[in-house]
């Protein structure tokens, strides 16, 4: 039998995101964030395309994005509650890493595999932040999926989209455990 890393297995089996609205300052500084970004960059990446990049939003950038969310949402006549919720994720956040999916032309690596890799980067960054002792949460919402918004306010190109906003800070409280999947009910064993 291979030697298990019990500490890592225990962490993965018990990890729990912290609600973004409960994250407070302080947030990791750039020196503390770099190892987390490095860990996220170790995500499986078929063809070594690096079909993702990071945009770190801190300080006044978060206020600017929050204001832009409100202005853009109102200009589209979005529901006021949806606008407030989307704005709140940036108003409340002490630090946000936008994980940007960057689709790259490849004859060997399908676009869907590049999308999966970008999603895996989001989870890897979330887990790296939690393992580093920070509170963290992976969010998206309508601003993440609005091409005009992300191009205008986050500088994304035509072949780019937001895979997720990873909010990182100090957890102000520990959330209660939530129901988890019944693994037996969703697993099929095939031996022949």
Protein backbone atom coordinates (compact mmCIF):
# COMPACT_ATOMS: atom_id res chain seq x y z
CA UNK A 1 0.00 0.00 0.00
CA UNK A 2 1.24 3.51 -0.74
CA UNK A 3 2.01 5.80 2.18
CA UNK A 4 -0.94 8.13 2.75
CA UNK A 5 -0.62 11.77 3.72
CA UNK A 6 -3.23 11.61 6.45
CA UNK A 7 -3.08 15.33 7.25
CA UNK A 8 -3.93 16.27 3.65
CA UNK A 9 -6.69 13.65 3.44
CA UNK A 10 -8.18 14.91 6.69
CA UNK A 11 -8.06 18.50 5.42
CA UNK A 12 -9.76 17.57 2.12
CA UNK A 13 -12.44 15.47 3.82
CA UNK A 14 -13.25 18.25 6.29
CA UNK A 15 -12.58 21.44 4.34
CA UNK A 16 -15.27 24.09 4.51
CA UNK A 17 -15.48 27.32 2.57
CA UNK A 18 -16.18 30.44 4.59
CA UNK A 19 -19.08 32.57 3.34
CA UNK A 20 -17.69 35.59 1.48
CA UNK A 21 -20.00 37.96 3.36
CA UNK A 22 -18.32 36.86 6.62
CA UNK A 23 -14.74 37.55 5.45
CA UNK A 24 -12.99 40.56 6.98
CA UNK A 25 -9.59 42.23 6.95
CA UNK A 26 -6.86 41.44 7.23
CA UNK A 27 -6.35 39.61 3.97
CA UNK A 28 -3.11 38.01 2.84
CA UNK A 29 -0.56 40.48 1.52
CA UNK A 30 1.18 39.84 -1.79
CA UNK A 31 3.97 37.83 -0.19
CA UNK A 32 1.46 35.57 1.57
CA UNK A 33 -0.72 35.25 -1.54
CA UNK A 34 2.06 34.17 -3.91
CA UNK A 35 2.45 30.63 -2.45
CA UNK A 36 -1.33 30.15 -2.80
CA UNK A 37 -1.23 31.27 -6.44
CA UNK A 38 1.75 28.97 -6.98
CA UNK A 39 -0.18 26.03 -5.52
CA UNK A 40 -3.16 26.84 -7.76
CA UNK A 41 -0.84 26.93 -10.76
CA UNK A 42 0.06 23.27 -10.14
CA UNK A 43 -3.37 22.28 -11.40
CA UNK A 44 -3.56 19.62 -14.14
CA UNK A 45 -3.04 21.37 -17.46
CA UNK A 46 -3.11 19.11 -20.50
CA UNK A 47 -0.67 20.33 -23.13
CA UNK A 48 0.89 22.86 -20.74
CA UNK A 49 -1.31 25.59 -22.22
CA UNK A 50 -1.86 27.50 -18.97
CA UNK A 51 -5.44 28.27 -20.00
CA UNK A 52 -5.93 30.62 -17.05
CA UNK A 53 -4.47 33.68 -15.38
CA UNK A 54 -5.06 35.68 -12.21
CA UNK A 55 -6.33 39.22 -11.62
CA UNK A 56 -5.85 40.20 -7.97
CA UNK A 57 -8.31 42.84 -6.76
CA UNK A 58 -7.32 44.65 -3.60
CA UNK A 59 -7.93 47.98 -1.91
CA UNK A 60 -9.51 50.62 -4.12
CA UNK A 61 -9.89 48.15 -7.00
CA UNK A 62 -12.58 46.33 -5.01
CA UNK A 63 -14.48 49.60 -4.47
CA UNK A 64 -14.15 50.44 -8.17
CA UNK A 65 -15.49 47.03 -9.19
CA UNK A 66 -18.34 47.25 -6.65
CA UNK A 67 -19.36 50.65 -8.06
CA UNK A 68 -19.09 49.31 -11.62
CA UNK A 69 -21.28 46.31 -10.77
CA UNK A 70 -23.99 48.60 -9.43
CA UNK A 71 -23.80 51.00 -12.38
CA UNK A 72 -23.73 48.20 -14.99
CA UNK A 73 -26.52 46.23 -13.33
CA UNK A 74 -28.76 49.29 -13.06
CA UNK A 75 -28.07 50.23 -16.69
CA UNK A 76 -29.36 46.78 -17.68
CA UNK A 77 -32.47 47.11 -15.50
CA UNK A 78 -31.44 44.09 -13.44
CA UNK A 79 -33.41 43.24 -10.32
CA UNK A 80 -32.29 45.54 -7.47
CA UNK A 81 -31.73 42.54 -5.19
CA UNK A 82 -29.48 40.86 -7.77
CA UNK A 83 -27.49 44.07 -8.19
CA UNK A 84 -27.08 44.52 -4.43
CA UNK A 85 -26.00 40.89 -3.97
CA UNK A 86 -23.45 41.13 -6.79
CA UNK A 87 -22.11 44.43 -5.47
CA UNK A 88 -21.92 43.05 -1.94
CA UNK A 89 -19.41 40.36 -2.83
CA UNK A 90 -16.89 43.11 -3.72
CA UNK A 91 -17.94 45.60 -1.01
CA UNK A 92 -17.48 42.96 1.69
CA UNK A 93 -14.30 41.38 0.33
CA UNK A 94 -10.88 42.24 1.73
CA UNK A 95 -9.21 40.56 -1.30
CA UNK A 96 -10.49 38.89 -4.45
CA UNK A 97 -8.63 36.85 -7.03
CA UNK A 98 -10.43 36.67 -10.35
CA UNK A 99 -9.44 33.41 -12.02
CA UNK A 100 -9.62 34.10 -15.74
CA UNK A 101 -10.09 31.26 -18.19
CA UNK A 102 -7.96 31.90 -21.26
CA UNK A 103 -9.02 29.73 -24.18
CA UNK A 104 -5.95 28.93 -26.30
CA UNK A 105 -6.01 27.42 -29.79
CA UNK A 106 -4.95 23.79 -29.74
CA UNK A 107 -5.41 20.88 -32.10
CA UNK A 108 -4.84 18.42 -29.24
CA UNK A 109 -6.52 20.00 -26.21
CA UNK A 110 -10.28 20.56 -26.55
CA UNK A 111 -11.77 23.78 -25.20
CA UNK A 112 -13.74 21.87 -22.57
CA UNK A 113 -10.51 20.51 -21.05
CA UNK A 114 -9.21 24.07 -20.80
CA UNK A 115 -12.42 25.03 -19.01
CA UNK A 116 -12.02 22.12 -16.60
CA UNK A 117 -8.44 23.19 -15.89
CA UNK A 118 -9.56 26.75 -15.07
CA UNK A 119 -12.22 25.37 -12.71
CA UNK A 120 -9.59 23.18 -11.07
CA UNK A 121 -7.43 26.28 -10.53
CA UNK A 122 -10.34 27.88 -8.67
CA UNK A 123 -10.67 24.91 -6.32
CA UNK A 124 -6.90 24.64 -5.87
CA UNK A 125 -6.66 28.33 -4.94
CA UNK A 126 -9.62 28.03 -2.58
CA UNK A 127 -8.06 25.01 -0.87
CA UNK A 128 -4.62 26.65 -0.73
CA UNK A 129 -6.15 29.69 1.01
CA UNK A 130 -8.05 27.51 3.49
CA UNK A 131 -4.97 25.34 4.13
CA UNK A 132 -2.99 28.54 4.79
CA UNK A 133 -5.43 29.44 7.55
CA UNK A 134 -7.44 32.08 5.69
CA UNK A 135 -11.16 32.13 5.12
CA UNK A 136 -12.05 31.79 1.44
CA UNK A 137 -15.04 31.41 -0.86
CA UNK A 138 -15.50 30.78 -4.58
CA UNK A 139 -18.24 32.91 -6.14
CA UNK A 140 -19.37 33.88 -9.62
CA UNK A 141 -22.70 35.63 -10.30
CA UNK A 142 -23.94 37.63 -13.24
CA UNK A 143 -20.94 40.04 -13.38
CA UNK A 144 -18.65 37.05 -13.98
CA UNK A 145 -20.72 35.94 -16.96
CA UNK A 146 -21.34 39.34 -18.55
CA UNK A 147 -18.78 39.73 -21.37
CA UNK A 148 -19.22 43.51 -21.59
CA UNK A 149 -18.68 43.91 -17.85
CA UNK A 150 -15.55 41.75 -17.60
CA UNK A 151 -13.99 43.22 -20.72
CA UNK A 152 -14.66 46.82 -19.68
CA UNK A 153 -13.92 46.59 -15.96
CA UNK A 154 -11.48 43.68 -15.62
CA UNK A 155 -9.65 43.98 -18.94
CA UNK A 156 -10.55 40.53 -20.27
CA UNK A 157 -10.00 39.72 -23.93
CA UNK A 158 -12.45 38.13 -26.35
CA UNK A 159 -11.12 34.60 -25.67
CA UNK A 160 -11.30 35.05 -21.89
CA UNK A 161 -13.98 34.64 -19.24
CA UNK A 162 -14.19 34.51 -15.47
CA UNK A 163 -13.95 30.99 -14.06
CA UNK A 164 -14.53 32.29 -10.55
CA UNK A 165 -13.97 35.03 -8.02
CA UNK A 166 -12.01 33.65 -5.06
CA UNK A 167 -12.54 35.90 -2.04
CA UNK A 168 -9.90 35.57 0.68
CA UNK A 169 -9.70 37.14 4.13
CA UNK A 170 -10.08 36.49 7.81
CA UNK A 171 -13.15 34.46 8.70
CA UNK A 172 -15.23 36.37 11.24
CA UNK A 173 -17.02 33.18 12.31
CA UNK A 174 -17.05 29.47 11.61
CA UNK A 175 -20.14 28.43 9.66
CA UNK A 176 -22.12 25.39 10.73
CA UNK A 177 -21.54 22.18 8.84
CA UNK A 178 -23.89 21.64 5.93
CA UNK A 179 -25.27 18.44 4.45
CA UNK A 180 -22.79 16.57 2.27
CA UNK A 181 -23.43 14.15 -0.59
CA UNK A 182 -24.27 10.53 0.16
CA UNK A 183 -21.29 9.04 -1.67
CA UNK A 184 -22.86 5.57 -1.70
CA UNK A 185 -25.94 6.92 -3.50
CA UNK A 186 -23.93 8.62 -6.27
CA UNK A 187 -21.24 6.00 -6.84
CA UNK A 188 -21.46 3.14 -9.31
CA UNK A 189 -18.87 0.35 -9.07
CA UNK A 190 -18.03 -1.44 -12.30
CA UNK A 191 -15.85 -4.55 -12.11
CA UNK A 192 -16.68 -6.40 -15.30
